[in-house]
C-alpha atoms as a PDB file:
ATOM      1  CA  MET A   1      69.705  88.194 104.157  1.00  0.00           C
ATOM      2  CA  PHE A   2      69.077  91.633 102.461  1.00  0.00           C
ATOM      3  CA  LEU A   3      71.766  90.858  99.726  1.00  0.00           C
ATOM      4  CA  GLY A   4      70.261  87.436  99.200  1.00  0.00           C
ATOM      5  CA  ALA A   5      66.657  88.977  98.573  1.00  0.00           C
ATOM      6  CA  LEU A   6      68.426  91.619  96.408  1.00  0.00           C
ATOM      7  CA  ALA A   7      70.211  88.784  94.386  1.00  0.00           C
ATOM      8  CA  ALA A   8      66.921  86.996  94.155  1.00  0.00           C
ATOM      9  CA  TRP A   9      64.860  89.873  93.017  1.00  0.00           C
ATOM     10  CA  PHE A  10      67.279  91.764  90.895  1.00  0.00           C
ATOM     11  CA  GLY A  11      70.225  89.367  90.361  1.00  0.00           C
ATOM     12  CA  THR A  12      69.551  88.653  86.833  1.00  0.00           C
ATOM     13  CA  VAL A  13      69.157  92.332  85.837  1.00  0.00           C
ATOM     14  CA  LYS A  14      72.150  93.359  83.525  1.00  0.00           C
ATOM     15  CA  THR A  15      74.217  96.337  84.355  1.00  0.00           C
ATOM     16  CA  PRO A  16      76.706  98.086  82.060  1.00  0.00           C
ATOM     17  CA  LEU A  17      80.382  98.255  83.338  1.00  0.00           C
ATOM     18  CA  PRO A  18      83.299  99.523  81.434  1.00  0.00           C
ATOM     19  CA  GLN A  19      85.838  96.956  79.995  1.00  0.00           C
ATOM     20  CA  ALA A  20      89.064  96.718  78.301  1.00  0.00           C
ATOM     21  CA  ALA A  21      88.227  94.487  75.409  1.00  0.00           C
ATOM     22  CA  GLY A  22      86.228  96.449  72.842  1.00  0.00           C
ATOM     23  CA  GLN A  23      84.523  99.679  72.756  1.00  0.00           C
ATOM     24  CA  ASP A  24      81.254  98.846  74.255  1.00  0.00           C
ATOM     25  CA  SER A  25      80.788  98.273  78.022  1.00  0.00           C
ATOM     26  CA  ALA A  26      80.403  94.829  79.556  1.00  0.00           C
ATOM     27  CA  ILE A  27      76.924  93.910  80.604  1.00  0.00           C
ATOM     28  CA  ILE A  28      77.144  91.798  83.654  1.00  0.00           C
ATOM     29  CA  PRO A  29      74.346  90.504  85.812  1.00  0.00           C
ATOM     30  CA  LEU A  30      74.012  92.307  89.089  1.00  0.00           C
ATOM     31  CA  TRP A  31      74.300  89.086  91.176  1.00  0.00           C
ATOM     32  CA  ARG A  32      78.155  89.298  90.336  1.00  0.00           C
ATOM     33  CA  LEU A  33      78.335  92.588  92.424  1.00  0.00           C
ATOM     34  CA  LEU A  34      76.224  91.366  95.315  1.00  0.00           C
ATOM     35  CA  VAL A  35      78.191  88.225  95.907  1.00  0.00           C
ATOM     36  CA  VAL A  36      81.151  90.569  96.778  1.00  0.00           C
ATOM     37  CA  GLY A  37      79.126  92.335  99.406  1.00  0.00           C
ATOM     38  CA  ALA A  38      77.797  89.076 100.825  1.00  0.00           C
ATOM     39  CA  ALA A  39      81.472  87.546 101.166  1.00  0.00           C
ATOM     40  CA  VAL A  40      83.026  90.792 102.709  1.00  0.00           C
ATOM     41  CA  LEU A  41      80.274  91.491 105.354  1.00  0.00           C
ATOM     42  CA  PRO A  42      81.221  88.699 107.636  1.00  0.00           C
ATOM     43  CA  VAL A  43      84.917  89.773 107.733  1.00  0.00           C
ATOM     44  CA  ILE A  44      84.064  93.284 108.320  1.00  0.00           C
ATOM     45  CA  GLY A  45      81.954  92.165 111.346  1.00  0.00           C
ATOM     46  CA  LEU A  46      85.449  91.366 113.119  1.00  0.00           C
ATOM     47  CA  THR A  47      85.898  95.244 113.621  1.00  0.00           C
ATOM     48  CA  SER A  48      85.644  96.369 117.064  1.00  0.00           C
ATOM     49  CA  PRO A  49      86.023  99.607 118.901  1.00  0.00           C
ATOM     50  CA  LEU A  50      88.104  97.811 121.461  1.00  0.00           C
ATOM     51  CA  ALA A  51      91.029  97.321 119.346  1.00  0.00           C
ATOM     52  CA  ASP A  52      93.559  98.321 122.224  1.00  0.00           C
ATOM     53  CA  LEU A  53      92.262  95.575 124.259  1.00  0.00           C
ATOM     54  CA  GLU A  54      92.271  92.901 121.422  1.00  0.00           C
ATOM     55  CA  LEU A  55      96.106  93.637 121.036  1.00  0.00           C
ATOM     56  CA  THR A  56      96.554  91.608 124.124  1.00  0.00           C
ATOM     57  CA  ALA A  57      94.156  88.755 123.036  1.00  0.00           C
ATOM     58  CA  THR A  58      93.929  85.790 124.951  1.00  0.00           C
ATOM     59  CA  ARG A  59      93.295  82.387 123.785  1.00  0.00           C
ATOM     60  CA  ARG A  60      89.754  82.522 124.801  1.00  0.00           C
ATOM     61  CA  LEU A  61      89.203  85.811 122.768  1.00  0.00           C
ATOM     62  CA  ARG A  62      90.974  84.416 119.689  1.00  0.00           C
ATOM     63  CA  SER A  63      88.870  81.147 120.059  1.00  0.00           C
ATOM     64  CA  MET A  64      85.597  83.226 120.214  1.00  0.00           C
ATOM     65  CA  GLU A  65      86.606  85.339 117.309  1.00  0.00           C
ATOM     66  CA  ARG A  66      87.278  82.213 115.284  1.00  0.00           C
ATOM     67  CA  PHE A  67      83.969  80.776 116.262  1.00  0.00           C
ATOM     68  CA  TYR A  68      82.116  84.035 115.597  1.00  0.00           C
ATOM     69  CA  LEU A  69      83.808  84.421 112.011  1.00  0.00           C
ATOM     70  CA  ALA A  70      83.037  80.679 111.087  1.00  0.00           C
ATOM     71  CA  GLY A  71      79.502  80.920 112.216  1.00  0.00           C
ATOM     72  CA  LEU A  72      78.913  84.393 110.612  1.00  0.00           C
ATOM     73  CA  SER A  73      80.632  83.616 107.520  1.00  0.00           C
ATOM     74  CA  PHE A  74      78.885  80.082 107.256  1.00  0.00           C
ATOM     75  CA  SER A  75      75.474  81.508 107.933  1.00  0.00           C
ATOM     76  CA  SER A  76      75.935  84.465 105.548  1.00  0.00           C
ATOM     77  CA  ALA A  77      76.741  82.194 102.711  1.00  0.00           C
ATOM     78  CA  VAL A  78      73.919  79.653 103.282  1.00  0.00           C
ATOM     79  CA  ILE A  79      71.455  82.509 103.656  1.00  0.00           C
ATOM     80  CA  PHE A  80      72.748  84.463 100.619  1.00  0.00           C
ATOM     81  CA  LEU A  81      72.859  81.430  98.426  1.00  0.00           C
ATOM     82  CA  GLY A  82      69.760  80.027  99.670  1.00  0.00           C
ATOM     83  CA  ILE A  83      67.750  82.894  99.119  1.00  0.00           C
ATOM     84  CA  SER A  84      69.429  83.362  95.507  1.00  0.00           C
ATOM     85  CA  ALA A  85      68.512  79.886  94.789  1.00  0.00           C
ATOM     86  CA  LEU A  86      64.829  80.603  94.799  1.00  0.00           C
ATOM     87  CA  THR A  87      64.946  82.545  91.383  1.00  0.00           C
ATOM     88  CA  THR A  88      68.433  81.713  90.113  1.00  0.00           C
ATOM     89  CA  PRO A  89      69.372  78.767  88.216  1.00  0.00           C
ATOM     90  CA  PRO A  90      71.548  76.143  89.905  1.00  0.00           C
ATOM     91  CA  ALA A  91      74.441  76.678  87.564  1.00  0.00           C
ATOM     92  CA  VAL A  92      74.488  80.359  88.484  1.00  0.00           C
ATOM     93  CA  VAL A  93      74.195  79.583  92.091  1.00  0.00           C
ATOM     94  CA  ALA A  94      77.160  77.375  91.785  1.00  0.00           C
ATOM     95  CA  ILE A  95      79.324  80.200  90.160  1.00  0.00           C
ATOM     96  CA  MET A  96      77.926  82.447  92.932  1.00  0.00           C
ATOM     97  CA  ALA A  97      79.297  80.099  95.616  1.00  0.00           C
ATOM     98  CA  ARG A  98      82.635  79.564  93.896  1.00  0.00           C
ATOM     99  CA  GLY A  99      82.843  83.346  93.746  1.00  0.00           C
ATOM    100  CA  TRP A 100      81.840  83.796  97.417  1.00  0.00           C
ATOM    101  CA  ILE A 101      84.838  81.670  98.374  1.00  0.00           C
ATOM    102  CA  ALA A 102      87.279  83.614  96.489  1.00  0.00           C
ATOM    103  CA  TRP A 103      85.873  87.015  97.875  1.00  0.00           C
ATOM    104  CA  PHE A 104      85.974  85.762 101.265  1.00  0.00           C
ATOM    105  CA  GLY A 105      89.569  84.755 101.094  1.00  0.00           C
ATOM    106  CA  LEU A 106      90.343  88.169  99.561  1.00  0.00           C
ATOM    107  CA  ALA A 107      88.637  89.912 102.324  1.00  0.00           C
ATOM    108  CA  LEU A 108      90.524  87.740 105.129  1.00  0.00           C
ATOM    109  CA  LEU A 109      93.766  88.673 103.478  1.00  0.00           C
ATOM    110  CA  ALA A 110      92.803  92.443 103.430  1.00  0.00           C
ATOM    111  CA  GLY A 111      91.504  92.311 106.949  1.00  0.00           C
ATOM    112  CA  ALA A 112      94.477  90.377 108.444  1.00  0.00           C
ATOM    113  CA  VAL A 113      96.935  93.060 106.598  1.00  0.00           C
ATOM    114  CA  LEU A 114      95.254  96.421 106.579  1.00  0.00           C
ATOM    115  CA  GLY A 115      92.872  95.790 109.575  1.00  0.00           C
ATOM    116  CA  TRP A 116      89.261  94.645 109.774  1.00  0.00           C
ATOM    117  CA  ARG A 117      87.651  97.741 108.894  1.00  0.00           C
ATOM    118  CA  LEU A 118      89.381  97.958 105.626  1.00  0.00           C
ATOM    119  CA  ALA A 119      88.492  94.264 104.568  1.00  0.00           C
ATOM    120  CA  TRP A 120      86.626  95.445 101.730  1.00  0.00           C
ATOM    121  CA  THR A 121      89.517  97.204  99.847  1.00  0.00           C
ATOM    122  CA  LEU A 122      91.181  94.125  98.230  1.00  0.00           C
ATOM    123  CA  PRO A 123      88.029  92.601  97.028  1.00  0.00           C
ATOM    124  CA  SER A 124      86.897  95.922  95.635  1.00  0.00           C
ATOM    125  CA  VAL A 125      90.334  96.381  93.792  1.00  0.00           C
ATOM    126  CA  VAL A 126      90.155  93.008  92.465  1.00  0.00           C
ATOM    127  CA  ALA A 127      86.532  93.220  91.399  1.00  0.00           C
ATOM    128  CA  VAL A 128      87.478  96.407  89.247  1.00  0.00           C
ATOM    129  CA  VAL A 129      90.357  94.436  87.723  1.00  0.00           C
ATOM    130  CA  LEU A 130      88.193  91.361  86.923  1.00  0.00           C
ATOM    131  CA  TRP A 131      85.326  93.337  85.478  1.00  0.00           C
ATOM    132  CA  TYR A 132      87.456  95.658  83.494  1.00  0.00           C
ATOM    133  CA  TRP A 133      90.172  93.205  82.152  1.00  0.00           C
ATOM    134  CA  GLY A 134      88.331  89.839  82.685  1.00  0.00           C
ATOM    135  CA  PHE A 135      86.591  89.840  79.433  1.00  0.00           C
ATOM    136  CA  GLY A 136      88.817  88.404  76.677  1.00  0.00           C
ATOM    137  CA  GLY A 137      86.666  88.871  73.813  1.00  0.00           C
ATOM    138  CA  ASN A 138      84.627  86.368  71.437  1.00  0.00           C
ATOM    139  CA  GLY A 139      82.402  85.641  74.386  1.00  0.00           C
ATOM    140  CA  GLN A 140      84.917  84.142  76.465  1.00  0.00           C
ATOM    141  CA  TYR A 141      86.432  85.301  79.918  1.00  0.00           C
ATOM    142  CA  ARG A 142      89.928  84.892  80.809  1.00  0.00           C
ATOM    143  CA  TRP A 143      90.857  81.968  82.954  1.00  0.00           C
ATOM    144  CA  TRP A 144      91.416  84.005  85.971  1.00  0.00           C
ATOM    145  CA  GLU A 145      87.906  85.527  85.970  1.00  0.00           C
ATOM    146  CA  PHE A 146      86.507  83.321  88.717  1.00  0.00           C
ATOM    147  CA  SER A 147      83.231  85.347  89.066  1.00  0.00           C
ATOM    148  CA  ALA A 148      81.913  84.753  85.470  1.00  0.00           C
ATOM    149  CA  ARG A 149      83.421  81.406  84.088  1.00  0.00           C
ATOM    150  CA  SER A 150      81.127  78.386  83.922  1.00  0.00           C
ATOM    151  CA  TYR A 151      80.271  76.499  87.054  1.00  0.00           C
ATOM    152  CA  ASP A 152      82.387  73.504  86.171  1.00  0.00           C
ATOM    153  CA  ASP A 153      85.510  75.378  85.126  1.00  0.00           C
ATOM    154  CA  VAL A 154      88.306  73.897  87.082  1.00  0.00           C
ATOM    155  CA  PRO A 155      90.929  76.604  86.931  1.00  0.00           C
ATOM    156  CA  SER A 156      88.462  79.080  88.498  1.00  0.00           C
ATOM    157  CA  LEU A 157      87.666  76.505  91.138  1.00  0.00           C
ATOM    158  CA  VAL A 158      91.437  75.962  92.028  1.00  0.00           C
ATOM    159  CA  LEU A 159      91.820  79.701  92.018  1.00  0.00           C
ATOM    160  CA  SER A 160      88.981  80.417  94.491  1.00  0.00           C
ATOM    161  CA  ALA A 161      90.211  77.575  96.788  1.00  0.00           C
ATOM    162  CA  ALA A 162      93.761  79.064  96.636  1.00  0.00           C
ATOM    163  CA  LEU A 163      92.379  82.623  97.389  1.00  0.00           C
ATOM    164  CA  LEU A 164      90.477  81.099 100.382  1.00  0.00           C
ATOM    165  CA  GLY A 165      93.650  79.290 101.591  1.00  0.00           C
ATOM    166  CA  VAL A 166      95.755  82.314 101.342  1.00  0.00           C
ATOM    167  CA  GLY A 167      92.945  84.295 103.254  1.00  0.00           C
ATOM    168  CA  LEU A 168      92.894  81.735 106.022  1.00  0.00           C
ATOM    169  CA  ALA A 169      96.623  81.687 106.230  1.00  0.00           C
ATOM    170  CA  ALA A 170      96.701  85.343 106.768  1.00  0.00           C
ATOM    171  CA  TYR A 171      93.916  85.257 109.345  1.00  0.00           C
ATOM    172  CA  ALA A 172      96.035  82.388 111.036  1.00  0.00           C
ATOM    173  CA  ALA A 173      99.073  84.377 111.136  1.00  0.00           C
ATOM    174  CA  THR A 174      98.586  86.491 114.205  1.00  0.00           C
ATOM    175  CA  PRO A 175     101.382  88.840 115.442  1.00  0.00           C
ATOM    176  CA  TRP A 176     102.476  86.193 117.992  1.00  0.00           C
ATOM    177  CA  ARG A 177     102.650  83.357 115.478  1.00  0.00           C
ATOM    178  CA  ARG A 178     104.656  85.654 113.240  1.00  0.00           C
ATOM    179  CA  ARG A 179     106.930  86.677 115.979  1.00  0.00           C
ATOM    180  CA  ARG A 180     107.419  82.829 116.887  1.00  0.00           C
ATOM    181  CA  LEU A 181     108.569  82.290 113.295  1.00  0.00           C
ATOM    182  CA  ARG A 182     111.079  84.944 113.306  1.00  0.00           C
ATOM    183  CA  PHE A 183     112.347  83.590 116.670  1.00  0.00           C
ATOM    184  CA  TRP A 184     113.244  79.990 115.001  1.00  0.00           C
ATOM    185  CA  ARG A 185     115.006  81.616 111.999  1.00  0.00           C
END
């Protein structure tokens, strides 16, 4: 809710960031930074001090974890985008929603591979790459810069959906499922 309020209040404020194309820095709206935080927070919520007990997770615990992640991520997205929509144009809210999907997928991938406490690492690295090398010059962003292209850009939507799919697959690939796949080979 706090990030949504920040996006509604300061989201259109432009902030300079370095970029590869040209000598000047890129001027991006602050909402592009805030979307990353709003998408990563639900995944970081899976962190638990009881990690040793969760290594022997039961179906009930895993089911509750899925329910918790789904509820937290859905409510996080709805609250963040809903509050942001109060002062942000609908086209920008659509770009924010598409970006949220991609950042969430990246956070799931990082959390599944590196641990839930480090779910922020991959989105942070990808954000730096996108914001530094994503601007192609002539006022255009590269096709893979899903956080800045127009709301109706199909390649960005497909990329965001693919990133979410990869993140969900990584989340579903629990250690016992990976072990079962190795057994059948």
